[in-house]
Structure formats: structure tokens, C-alpha cells
C-alpha atoms as a PDB file:
ATOM      1  CA  ARG A   1       0.146  -0.104  -0.221  1.00  0.00           C
ATOM      2  CA  GLU A   2       1.097   3.496  -0.921  1.00  0.00           C
ATOM      3  CA  GLU A   3       1.268   6.281   1.462  1.00  0.00           C
ATOM      4  CA  ARG A   4       0.370   9.815   0.260  1.00  0.00           C
ATOM      5  CA  VAL A   5      -0.350  12.956   1.575  1.00  0.00           C
ATOM      6  CA  VAL A   6      -3.946  13.786   0.695  1.00  0.00           C
ATOM      7  CA  VAL A   7      -4.208  17.323   2.226  1.00  0.00           C
ATOM      8  CA  SER A   8      -1.738  19.971   3.950  1.00  0.00           C
ATOM      9  CA  PHE A   9      -2.445  23.351   4.877  1.00  0.00           C
ATOM     10  CA  PRO A  10      -0.280  26.245   6.664  1.00  0.00           C
ATOM     11  CA  LEU A  11      -1.318  26.584  10.549  1.00  0.00           C
ATOM     12  CA  ARG A  12      -0.209  29.282  12.263  1.00  0.00           C
ATOM     13  CA  ILE A  13       0.660  28.743  15.734  1.00  0.00           C
ATOM     14  CA  SER A  14       2.020  31.054  18.315  1.00  0.00           C
ATOM     15  CA  GLY A  15       5.281  32.418  19.105  1.00  0.00           C
ATOM     16  CA  ASN A  16       8.048  29.813  18.613  1.00  0.00           C
ATOM     17  CA  SER A  17       5.302  26.952  19.631  1.00  0.00           C
ATOM     18  CA  ILE A  18       6.046  23.685  18.387  1.00  0.00           C
ATOM     19  CA  PRO A  19       3.507  21.049  17.494  1.00  0.00           C
ATOM     20  CA  VAL A  20       3.972  17.574  19.160  1.00  0.00           C
ATOM     21  CA  PHE A  21       0.444  15.882  18.640  1.00  0.00           C
ATOM     22  CA  LEU A  22      -1.928  15.682  15.566  1.00  0.00           C
ATOM     23  CA  ALA A  23      -5.586  13.918  16.164  1.00  0.00           C
ATOM     24  CA  PHE A  24      -8.806  13.805  14.082  1.00  0.00           C
ATOM     25  CA  SER A  25     -12.195  13.456  15.664  1.00  0.00           C
ATOM     26  CA  ALA A  26     -13.982  10.260  14.788  1.00  0.00           C
ATOM     27  CA  ASP A  27     -16.250  12.229  12.218  1.00  0.00           C
ATOM     28  CA  GLY A  28     -13.302  13.812  10.985  1.00  0.00           C
ATOM     29  CA  ARG A  29     -14.627  17.465  11.361  1.00  0.00           C
ATOM     30  CA  SER A  30     -11.892  18.325  14.106  1.00  0.00           C
ATOM     31  CA  ALA A  31      -8.037  17.794  14.310  1.00  0.00           C
ATOM     32  CA  TYR A  32      -6.987  18.536  17.584  1.00  0.00           C
ATOM     33  CA  VAL A  33      -3.264  20.357  17.461  1.00  0.00           C
ATOM     34  CA  VAL A  34      -1.302  20.156  20.545  1.00  0.00           C
ATOM     35  CA  ALA A  35       1.712  22.479  20.880  1.00  0.00           C
ATOM     36  CA  ARG A  36       4.393  23.889  23.420  1.00  0.00           C
ATOM     37  CA  ASN A  37       6.365  26.811  23.489  1.00  0.00           C
ATOM     38  CA  PRO A  38       8.785  26.351  26.203  1.00  0.00           C
ATOM     39  CA  GLY A  39      10.313  30.145  25.355  1.00  0.00           C
ATOM     40  CA  SER A  40       7.382  31.889  27.143  1.00  0.00           C
ATOM     41  CA  PRO A  41       6.844  31.594  31.059  1.00  0.00           C
ATOM     42  CA  ALA A  42       2.980  31.938  30.952  1.00  0.00           C
ATOM     43  CA  GLU A  43       2.017  30.271  27.550  1.00  0.00           C
ATOM     44  CA  ARG A  44       3.956  26.829  27.657  1.00  0.00           C
ATOM     45  CA  GLY A  45       1.723  25.066  25.657  1.00  0.00           C
ATOM     46  CA  ASN A  46      -1.397  24.903  23.806  1.00  0.00           C
ATOM     47  CA  VAL A  47      -4.375  23.053  21.905  1.00  0.00           C
ATOM     48  CA  LEU A  48      -5.607  24.490  18.855  1.00  0.00           C
ATOM     49  CA  ILE A  49      -8.908  22.948  17.620  1.00  0.00           C
ATOM     50  CA  VAL A  50      -9.162  23.101  13.943  1.00  0.00           C
ATOM     51  CA  ASP A  51     -12.095  22.795  11.809  1.00  0.00           C
ATOM     52  CA  ALA A  52     -11.030  20.166   8.955  1.00  0.00           C
ATOM     53  CA  ALA A  53     -13.189  21.411   6.408  1.00  0.00           C
ATOM     54  CA  THR A  54     -12.108  25.137   6.368  1.00  0.00           C
ATOM     55  CA  ARG A  55      -8.803  24.583   7.841  1.00  0.00           C
ATOM     56  CA  SER A  56      -9.157  27.326  10.202  1.00  0.00           C
ATOM     57  CA  VAL A  57      -8.276  27.471  14.136  1.00  0.00           C
ATOM     58  CA  ARG A  58     -11.893  27.164  16.012  1.00  0.00           C
ATOM     59  CA  THR A  59     -10.411  27.557  19.811  1.00  0.00           C
ATOM     60  CA  ASN A  60      -7.132  28.217  20.996  1.00  0.00           C
ATOM     61  CA  ILE A  61      -6.742  26.840  24.515  1.00  0.00           C
ATOM     62  CA  ASN A  62      -3.761  28.002  26.662  1.00  0.00           C
ATOM     63  CA  LEU A  63      -2.510  25.736  28.839  1.00  0.00           C
ATOM     64  CA  GLY A  64      -0.808  27.933  31.283  1.00  0.00           C
ATOM     65  CA  THR A  65       2.592  26.463  32.713  1.00  0.00           C
ATOM     66  CA  ASN A  66       1.942  22.905  31.372  1.00  0.00           C
ATOM     67  CA  THR A  67       4.342  21.883  28.543  1.00  0.00           C
ATOM     68  CA  PRO A  68       2.952  19.206  26.844  1.00  0.00           C
ATOM     69  CA  SER A  69       5.415  16.668  25.285  1.00  0.00           C
ATOM     70  CA  GLY A  70       2.499  14.102  24.130  1.00  0.00           C
ATOM     71  CA  ALA A  71      -1.440  13.295  24.057  1.00  0.00           C
ATOM     72  CA  ALA A  72      -4.221  10.549  23.569  1.00  0.00           C
ATOM     73  CA  LEU A  73      -7.293  10.892  22.346  1.00  0.00           C
ATOM     74  CA  SER A  74     -10.237   8.855  24.565  1.00  0.00           C
ATOM     75  CA  SER A  75     -11.793   5.981  22.474  1.00  0.00           C
ATOM     76  CA  ASP A  76     -15.109   8.249  22.903  1.00  0.00           C
ATOM     77  CA  GLY A  77     -13.013  11.101  21.318  1.00  0.00           C
ATOM     78  CA  ASN A  78     -14.633  13.980  24.806  1.00  0.00           C
ATOM     79  CA  THR A  79     -11.277  13.687  26.535  1.00  0.00           C
ATOM     80  CA  LEU A  80      -7.247  14.608  24.971  1.00  0.00           C
ATOM     81  CA  PHE A  81      -5.050  13.276  27.997  1.00  0.00           C
ATOM     82  CA  LEU A  82      -1.751  15.613  27.718  1.00  0.00           C
ATOM     83  CA  LEU A  83       1.437  14.227  29.223  1.00  0.00           C
ATOM     84  CA  GLY A  84       4.238  16.702  29.819  1.00  0.00           C
ATOM     85  CA  THR A  85       5.602  19.019  32.767  1.00  0.00           C
ATOM     86  CA  SER A  86       4.387  21.683  35.047  1.00  0.00           C
ATOM     87  CA  ILE A  87       5.877  24.616  36.274  1.00  0.00           C
ATOM     88  CA  ASN A  88       4.563  25.484  39.885  1.00  0.00           C
ATOM     89  CA  ASP A  89       6.804  27.970  41.216  1.00  0.00           C
ATOM     90  CA  PRO A  90       9.276  27.801  43.018  1.00  0.00           C
ATOM     91  CA  ASN A  91       9.358  24.201  42.248  1.00  0.00           C
ATOM     92  CA  PRO A  92      11.136  23.128  39.180  1.00  0.00           C
ATOM     93  CA  ALA A  93       9.401  21.314  35.865  1.00  0.00           C
ATOM     94  CA  GLU A  94       7.457  18.255  37.074  1.00  0.00           C
ATOM     95  CA  PRO A  95       5.931  15.535  35.290  1.00  0.00           C
ATOM     96  CA  SER A  96       2.291  16.031  34.385  1.00  0.00           C
ATOM     97  CA  VAL A  97      -1.068  14.662  33.476  1.00  0.00           C
ATOM     98  CA  ILE A  98      -4.133  16.678  32.253  1.00  0.00           C
ATOM     99  CA  ALA A  99      -7.607  16.001  30.744  1.00  0.00           C
ATOM    100  CA  LEU A 100      -8.950  18.416  28.313  1.00  0.00           C
ATOM    101  CA  ASP A 101     -12.662  18.299  28.194  1.00  0.00           C
ATOM    102  CA  LEU A 102     -13.193  18.640  24.525  1.00  0.00           C
ATOM    103  CA  LEU A 103     -16.888  19.188  24.963  1.00  0.00           C
ATOM    104  CA  THR A 104     -16.290  22.228  27.591  1.00  0.00           C
ATOM    105  CA  ASN A 105     -12.367  23.074  26.264  1.00  0.00           C
ATOM    106  CA  THR A 106     -11.987  23.321  30.010  1.00  0.00           C
ATOM    107  CA  PHE A 107      -8.477  21.230  31.711  1.00  0.00           C
ATOM    108  CA  GLN A 108      -7.905  19.579  34.978  1.00  0.00           C
ATOM    109  CA  GLN A 109      -4.313  18.452  36.236  1.00  0.00           C
ATOM    110  CA  LEU A 110      -4.719  14.640  36.880  1.00  0.00           C
ATOM    111  CA  ALA A 111      -1.380  13.953  38.241  1.00  0.00           C
ATOM    112  CA  ALA A 112       1.905  15.864  39.067  1.00  0.00           C
ATOM    113  CA  GLY A 113       5.054  15.440  40.835  1.00  0.00           C
ATOM    114  CA  PRO A 114       7.942  12.750  40.899  1.00  0.00           C
END
């Protein structure tokens, strides 16, 4: 089976952000782009929800001091689990797991620390 690019499009991500994960909703209407921006103290990670048909960013969720390094989409497509680090002054970066509710676009930290 030959693999080929079906579609590509430019996606503007803030600052020096680096995309680290991409997933699509089961119906193919939304793409979830997880990006990290280690150079910013206040906006270290973002999740962009992209309309796949129009290729435009519908929502940009700031993860604050959480720096994502990977992600996994739940089987029901309602939660995006983010793995990475969290900076809590005055502590150094700690491992973290965040659950992002894709129905409400809110997140909560599930685990942090060594």
C-alpha cells in the first residue's frame, strides 16, 4: 500500500510553538493540534481545535505553565489526555497529566510530581 499526502495546509501557531501531537475526531470534522512553547513563561502549551473543512482554528486553549510533550485521545473522543511537565513556582518542572474536556474546552490536572 502506498502512502501519500491527501491534504496539507499552513497552520499559524503563536510564537515559537512546536507542534507535538495531531489527532482527528471520529467524524473527521475536527483536528486537535497540541503545541508547546518552552520559551514563554506564561503560555507554555496550547491545544488548537481546527475545523478540518475550512482549515481554520476554531479554538485556542492556553495550558498556562503546562508544557505538553505528547497526548492521547480517549476512545469516545471527548477527552484529550496531555502528558508533559508543569512549572509551579518555586518548584522546578514536574511531570504532569492533564485531561482536556473537549465538550467544554476546560482542563484539569490529574497528576503531577515525581
